[in-house]
PDB file of all heavy atoms in Angstrom:
ATOM      1  N   GLU A   1    -148.603  19.789  49.856  1.00  0.00           N
ATOM      2  CA  GLU A   1    -147.433  19.243  50.553  1.00  0.00           C
ATOM      3  C   GLU A   1    -146.907  18.001  49.852  1.00  0.00           C
ATOM      4  O   GLU A   1    -145.692  17.840  49.666  1.00  0.00           O
ATOM      5  CB  GLU A   1    -147.796  18.923  51.998  1.00  0.00           C
ATOM      6  CG  GLU A   1    -148.049  20.137  52.863  1.00  0.00           C
ATOM      7  CD  GLU A   1    -148.533  19.756  54.253  1.00  0.00           C
ATOM      8  OE1 GLU A   1    -149.479  18.935  54.355  1.00  0.00           O
ATOM      9  OE2 GLU A   1    -147.987  20.284  55.233  1.00  0.00           O
ATOM     10  N   SER A   2    -147.822  17.110  49.451  1.00  0.00           N
ATOM     11  CA  SER A   2    -147.412  15.887  48.756  1.00  0.00           C
ATOM     12  C   SER A   2    -146.757  16.203  47.420  1.00  0.00           C
ATOM     13  O   SER A   2    -145.732  15.609  47.058  1.00  0.00           O
ATOM     14  CB  SER A   2    -148.616  14.972  48.535  1.00  0.00           C
ATOM     15  OG  SER A   2    -149.174  14.550  49.756  1.00  0.00           O
ATOM     16  N   SER A   3    -147.336  17.152  46.681  1.00  0.00           N
ATOM     17  CA  SER A   3    -146.788  17.496  45.366  1.00  0.00           C
ATOM     18  C   SER A   3    -145.395  18.096  45.495  1.00  0.00           C
ATOM     19  O   SER A   3    -144.521  17.859  44.650  1.00  0.00           O
ATOM     20  CB  SER A   3    -147.714  18.462  44.638  1.00  0.00           C
ATOM     21  OG  SER A   3    -147.764  19.711  45.297  1.00  0.00           O
ATOM     22  N   GLU A   4    -145.153  18.853  46.561  1.00  0.00           N
ATOM     23  CA  GLU A   4    -143.836  19.452  46.772  1.00  0.00           C
ATOM     24  C   GLU A   4    -142.779  18.369  46.992  1.00  0.00           C
ATOM     25  O   GLU A   4    -141.675  18.437  46.434  1.00  0.00           O
ATOM     26  CB  GLU A   4    -143.885  20.392  47.980  1.00  0.00           C
ATOM     27  CG  GLU A   4    -142.581  21.144  48.218  1.00  0.00           C
ATOM     28  CD  GLU A   4    -142.679  22.095  49.381  1.00  0.00           C
ATOM     29  OE1 GLU A   4    -143.808  22.384  49.845  1.00  0.00           O
ATOM     30  OE2 GLU A   4    -141.622  22.568  49.847  1.00  0.00           O
ATOM     31  N   ILE A   5    -143.124  17.352  47.799  1.00  0.00           N
ATOM     32  CA  ILE A   5    -142.190  16.247  48.036  1.00  0.00           C
ATOM     33  C   ILE A   5    -141.954  15.475  46.746  1.00  0.00           C
ATOM     34  O   ILE A   5    -140.817  15.133  46.397  1.00  0.00           O
ATOM     35  CB  ILE A   5    -142.733  15.305  49.128  1.00  0.00           C
ATOM     36  CG1 ILE A   5    -142.866  16.049  50.448  1.00  0.00           C
ATOM     37  CG2 ILE A   5    -141.826  14.092  49.291  1.00  0.00           C
ATOM     38  CD1 ILE A   5    -143.578  15.257  51.523  1.00  0.00           C
ATOM     39  N   VAL A   6    -143.045  15.189  46.022  1.00  0.00           N
ATOM     40  CA  VAL A   6    -142.937  14.423  44.783  1.00  0.00           C
ATOM     41  C   VAL A   6    -142.062  15.149  43.761  1.00  0.00           C
ATOM     42  O   VAL A   6    -141.198  14.533  43.110  1.00  0.00           O
ATOM     43  CB  VAL A   6    -144.339  14.157  44.189  1.00  0.00           C
ATOM     44  CG1 VAL A   6    -144.233  13.671  42.746  1.00  0.00           C
ATOM     45  CG2 VAL A   6    -145.077  13.129  45.034  1.00  0.00           C
ATOM     46  N   ARG A   7    -142.254  16.436  43.619  1.00  0.00           N
ATOM     47  CA  ARG A   7    -141.472  17.196  42.639  1.00  0.00           C
ATOM     48  C   ARG A   7    -139.994  17.236  43.021  1.00  0.00           C
ATOM     49  O   ARG A   7    -139.117  17.173  42.155  1.00  0.00           O
ATOM     50  CB  ARG A   7    -142.044  18.603  42.491  1.00  0.00           C
ATOM     51  CG  ARG A   7    -143.405  18.618  41.821  1.00  0.00           C
ATOM     52  CD  ARG A   7    -143.975  20.011  41.640  1.00  0.00           C
ATOM     53  NE  ARG A   7    -145.349  19.960  41.174  1.00  0.00           N
ATOM     54  CZ  ARG A   7    -145.702  19.731  39.915  1.00  0.00           C
ATOM     55  NH1 ARG A   7    -144.771  19.551  38.989  1.00  0.00           N
ATOM     56  NH2 ARG A   7    -146.981  19.677  39.562  1.00  0.00           N
ATOM     57  N   ALA A   8    -139.706  17.335  44.314  1.00  0.00           N
ATOM     58  CA  ALA A   8    -138.315  17.318  44.764  1.00  0.00           C
ATOM     59  C   ALA A   8    -137.675  15.959  44.466  1.00  0.00           C
ATOM     60  O   ALA A   8    -136.532  15.887  43.994  1.00  0.00           O
ATOM     61  CB  ALA A   8    -138.249  17.622  46.259  1.00  0.00           C
ATOM     62  N   VAL A   9    -138.430  14.890  44.723  1.00  0.00           N
ATOM     63  CA  VAL A   9    -137.918  13.543  44.437  1.00  0.00           C
ATOM     64  C   VAL A   9    -137.726  13.362  42.938  1.00  0.00           C
ATOM     65  O   VAL A   9    -136.722  12.799  42.483  1.00  0.00           O
ATOM     66  CB  VAL A   9    -138.896  12.479  44.983  1.00  0.00           C
ATOM     67  CG1 VAL A   9    -138.524  11.080  44.472  1.00  0.00           C
ATOM     68  CG2 VAL A   9    -138.906  12.501  46.508  1.00  0.00           C
ATOM     69  N   HIS A  10    -138.681  13.856  42.156  1.00  0.00           N
ATOM     70  CA  HIS A  10    -138.606  13.723  40.699  1.00  0.00           C
ATOM     71  C   HIS A  10    -137.372  14.437  40.140  1.00  0.00           C
ATOM     72  O   HIS A  10    -136.682  13.909  39.260  1.00  0.00           O
ATOM     73  CB  HIS A  10    -139.873  14.298  40.066  1.00  0.00           C
ATOM     74  CG  HIS A  10    -139.946  14.111  38.576  1.00  0.00           C
ATOM     75  ND1 HIS A  10    -140.113  12.875  37.994  1.00  0.00           N
ATOM     76  CD2 HIS A  10    -139.869  15.001  37.556  1.00  0.00           C
ATOM     77  CE1 HIS A  10    -140.139  13.013  36.682  1.00  0.00           C
ATOM     78  NE2 HIS A  10    -139.986  14.291  36.396  1.00  0.00           N
ATOM     79  N   GLU A  11    -137.087  15.612  40.659  1.00  0.00           N
ATOM     80  CA  GLU A  11    -135.918  16.347  40.190  1.00  0.00           C
ATOM     81  C   GLU A  11    -134.623  15.617  40.515  1.00  0.00           C
ATOM     82  O   GLU A  11    -133.685  15.591  39.714  1.00  0.00           O
ATOM     83  CB  GLU A  11    -135.911  17.746  40.815  1.00  0.00           C
ATOM     84  CG  GLU A  11    -136.992  18.664  40.250  1.00  0.00           C
ATOM     85  CD  GLU A  11    -137.056  19.992  40.970  1.00  0.00           C
ATOM     86  OE1 GLU A  11    -136.206  20.220  41.873  1.00  0.00           O
ATOM     87  OE2 GLU A  11    -137.942  20.809  40.636  1.00  0.00           O
ATOM     88  N   ARG A  12    -134.572  15.002  41.702  1.00  0.00           N
ATOM     89  CA  ARG A  12    -133.382  14.236  42.055  1.00  0.00           C
ATOM     90  C   ARG A  12    -133.233  13.010  41.156  1.00  0.00           C
ATOM     91  O   ARG A  12    -132.124  12.602  40.821  1.00  0.00           O
ATOM     92  CB  ARG A  12    -133.461  13.785  43.519  1.00  0.00           C
ATOM     93  CG  ARG A  12    -133.360  14.928  44.520  1.00  0.00           C
ATOM     94  CD  ARG A  12    -133.472  14.420  45.939  1.00  0.00           C
ATOM     95  NE  ARG A  12    -133.505  15.505  46.899  1.00  0.00           N
ATOM     96  CZ  ARG A  12    -133.619  15.318  48.209  1.00  0.00           C
ATOM     97  NH1 ARG A  12    -133.715  14.091  48.701  1.00  0.00           N
ATOM     98  NH2 ARG A  12    -133.642  16.350  49.027  1.00  0.00           N
ATOM     99  N   ARG A  13    -134.373  12.439  40.774  1.00  0.00           N
ATOM    100  CA  ARG A  13    -134.325  11.261  39.897  1.00  0.00           C
ATOM    101  C   ARG A  13    -133.770  11.615  38.529  1.00  0.00           C
ATOM    102  O   ARG A  13    -133.152  10.779  37.875  1.00  0.00           O
ATOM    103  CB  ARG A  13    -135.734  10.671  39.745  1.00  0.00           C
ATOM    104  CG  ARG A  13    -136.258  10.040  41.011  1.00  0.00           C
ATOM    105  CD  ARG A  13    -135.613   8.705  41.248  1.00  0.00           C
ATOM    106  NE  ARG A  13    -135.999   8.143  42.520  1.00  0.00           N
ATOM    107  CZ  ARG A  13    -135.983   6.840  42.803  1.00  0.00           C
ATOM    108  NH1 ARG A  13    -135.565   5.991  41.904  1.00  0.00           N
ATOM    109  NH2 ARG A  13    -136.327   6.417  43.994  1.00  0.00           N
ATOM    110  N   LEU A  14    -134.033  12.830  38.082  1.00  0.00           N
ATOM    111  CA  LEU A  14    -133.481  13.238  36.793  1.00  0.00           C
ATOM    112  C   LEU A  14    -131.959  13.316  36.854  1.00  0.00           C
ATOM    113  O   LEU A  14    -131.269  13.063  35.868  1.00  0.00           O
ATOM    114  CB  LEU A  14    -134.067  14.604  36.395  1.00  0.00           C
ATOM    115  CG  LEU A  14    -135.574  14.639  36.126  1.00  0.00           C
ATOM    116  CD1 LEU A  14    -136.022  16.053  35.782  1.00  0.00           C
ATOM    117  CD2 LEU A  14    -135.951  13.682  34.993  1.00  0.00           C
ATOM    118  N   GLU A  15    -131.449  13.649  38.042  1.00  0.00           N
ATOM    119  CA  GLU A  15    -130.002  13.719  38.226  1.00  0.00           C
ATOM    120  C   GLU A  15    -129.409  12.348  38.522  1.00  0.00           C
ATOM    121  O   GLU A  15    -128.317  12.021  38.055  1.00  0.00           O
ATOM    122  CB  GLU A  15    -129.681  14.676  39.379  1.00  0.00           C
ATOM    123  CG  GLU A  15    -130.168  16.105  39.161  1.00  0.00           C
ATOM    124  CD  GLU A  15    -129.983  16.961  40.387  1.00  0.00           C
ATOM    125  OE1 GLU A  15    -129.376  16.454  41.362  1.00  0.00           O
ATOM    126  OE2 GLU A  15    -130.421  18.120  40.387  1.00  0.00           O
ATOM    127  N   LEU A  16    -130.158  11.542  39.331  1.00  0.00           N
ATOM    128  CA  LEU A  16    -129.685  10.209  39.713  1.00  0.00           C
ATOM    129  C   LEU A  16    -130.794   9.202  39.405  1.00  0.00           C
ATOM    130  O   LEU A  16    -131.621   8.881  40.259  1.00  0.00           O
ATOM    131  CB  LEU A  16    -129.356  10.169  41.213  1.00  0.00           C
ATOM    132  CG  LEU A  16    -128.245  11.098  41.686  1.00  0.00           C
ATOM    133  CD1 LEU A  16    -128.220  11.161  43.200  1.00  0.00           C
ATOM    134  CD2 LEU A  16    -126.899  10.623  41.173  1.00  0.00           C
ATOM    135  N   PRO A  17    -130.871   8.693  38.181  1.00  0.00           N
ATOM    136  CA  PRO A  17    -131.980   7.815  37.765  1.00  0.00           C
ATOM    137  C   PRO A  17    -132.156   6.578  38.633  1.00  0.00           C
ATOM    138  O   PRO A  17    -133.271   6.053  38.752  1.00  0.00           O
ATOM    139  CB  PRO A  17    -131.598   7.430  36.331  1.00  0.00           C
ATOM    140  CG  PRO A  17    -130.688   8.521  35.883  1.00  0.00           C
ATOM    141  CD  PRO A  17    -129.927   8.957  37.091  1.00  0.00           C
ATOM    142  N   ASP A  18    -131.096   6.083  39.246  1.00  0.00           N
ATOM    143  CA  ASP A  18    -131.193   4.865  40.054  1.00  0.00           C
ATOM    144  C   ASP A  18    -131.529   5.154  41.508  1.00  0.00           C
ATOM    145  O   ASP A  18    -131.503   4.257  42.350  1.00  0.00           O
ATOM    146  CB  ASP A  18    -129.873   4.081  39.978  1.00  0.00           C
ATOM    147  CG  ASP A  18    -129.627   3.520  38.589  1.00  0.00           C
ATOM    148  OD1 ASP A  18    -130.618   3.208  37.914  1.00  0.00           O
ATOM    149  OD2 ASP A  18    -128.471   3.437  38.184  1.00  0.00           O
ATOM    150  N   GLY A  19    -131.837   6.418  41.813  1.00  0.00           N
ATOM    151  CA  GLY A  19    -132.234   6.746  43.177  1.00  0.00           C
ATOM    152  C   GLY A  19    -131.156   7.483  43.922  1.00  0.00           C
ATOM    153  O   GLY A  19    -129.984   7.446  43.556  1.00  0.00           O
ATOM    154  N   PRO A  20    -131.539   8.146  45.020  1.00  0.00           N
ATOM    155  CA  PRO A  20    -130.600   8.958  45.776  1.00  0.00           C
ATOM    156  C   PRO A  20    -129.763   8.135  46.735  1.00  0.00           C
ATOM    157  O   PRO A  20    -130.116   7.016  47.087  1.00  0.00           O
ATOM    158  CB  PRO A  20    -131.521   9.898  46.552  1.00  0.00           C
ATOM    159  CG  PRO A  20    -132.709   9.050  46.820  1.00  0.00           C
ATOM    160  CD  PRO A  20    -132.882   8.199  45.591  1.00  0.00           C
ATOM    161  N   ARG A  21    -128.646   8.695  47.153  1.00  0.00           N
ATOM    162  CA  ARG A  21    -127.892   8.115  48.225  1.00  0.00           C
ATOM    163  C   ARG A  21    -128.517   8.541  49.546  1.00  0.00           C
ATOM    164  O   ARG A  21    -129.238   9.525  49.615  1.00  0.00           O
ATOM    165  CB  ARG A  21    -126.419   8.564  48.161  1.00  0.00           C
ATOM    166  CG  ARG A  21    -125.711   8.089  46.894  1.00  0.00           C
ATOM    167  CD  ARG A  21    -124.259   8.507  46.929  1.00  0.00           C
ATOM    168  NE  ARG A  21    -124.109   9.956  46.915  1.00  0.00           N
ATOM    169  CZ  ARG A  21    -124.091  10.681  45.803  1.00  0.00           C
ATOM    170  NH1 ARG A  21    -124.230  10.094  44.627  1.00  0.00           N
ATOM    171  NH2 ARG A  21    -123.931  12.001  45.872  1.00  0.00           N
ATOM    172  N   ALA A  22    -128.223   7.818  50.605  1.00  0.00           N
ATOM    173  CA  ALA A  22    -128.851   8.087  51.886  1.00  0.00           C
ATOM    174  C   ALA A  22    -128.596   9.502  52.370  1.00  0.00           C
ATOM    175  O   ALA A  22    -129.457  10.153  52.956  1.00  0.00           O
ATOM    176  CB  ALA A  22    -128.352   7.085  52.943  1.00  0.00           C
ATOM    177  N   GLU A  23    -127.407  10.042  52.086  1.00  0.00           N
ATOM    178  CA  GLU A  23    -127.094  11.387  52.582  1.00  0.00           C
ATOM    179  C   GLU A  23    -127.859  12.471  51.854  1.00  0.00           C
ATOM    180  O   GLU A  23    -127.827  13.631  52.249  1.00  0.00           O
ATOM    181  CB  GLU A  23    -125.582  11.652  52.472  1.00  0.00           C
ATOM    182  CG  GLU A  23    -125.037  11.592  51.053  1.00  0.00           C
ATOM    183  CD  GLU A  23    -124.536  10.210  50.663  1.00  0.00           C
ATOM    184  OE1 GLU A  23    -124.978   9.240  51.309  1.00  0.00           O
ATOM    185  OE2 GLU A  23    -123.722  10.107  49.750  1.00  0.00           O
ATOM    186  N   LEU A  24    -128.570  12.127  50.763  1.00  0.00           N
ATOM    187  CA  LEU A  24    -129.310  13.134  50.009  1.00  0.00           C
ATOM    188  C   LEU A  24    -130.759  13.266  50.467  1.00  0.00           C
ATOM    189  O   LEU A  24    -131.494  14.071  49.927  1.00  0.00           O
ATOM    190  CB  LEU A  24    -129.282  12.803  48.515  1.00  0.00           C
ATOM    191  CG  LEU A  24    -127.905  12.877  47.833  1.00  0.00           C
ATOM    192  CD1 LEU A  24    -128.041  12.577  46.364  1.00  0.00           C
ATOM    193  CD2 LEU A  24    -127.270  14.243  48.039  1.00  0.00           C
TER     194      LEU A  24
END
């Protein structure tokens, strides 16, 4: 479960290096 969340966050970071917006 933790790895799934981490991988999802990591993929978003590749798209938005400075972090996601709240709506994401």
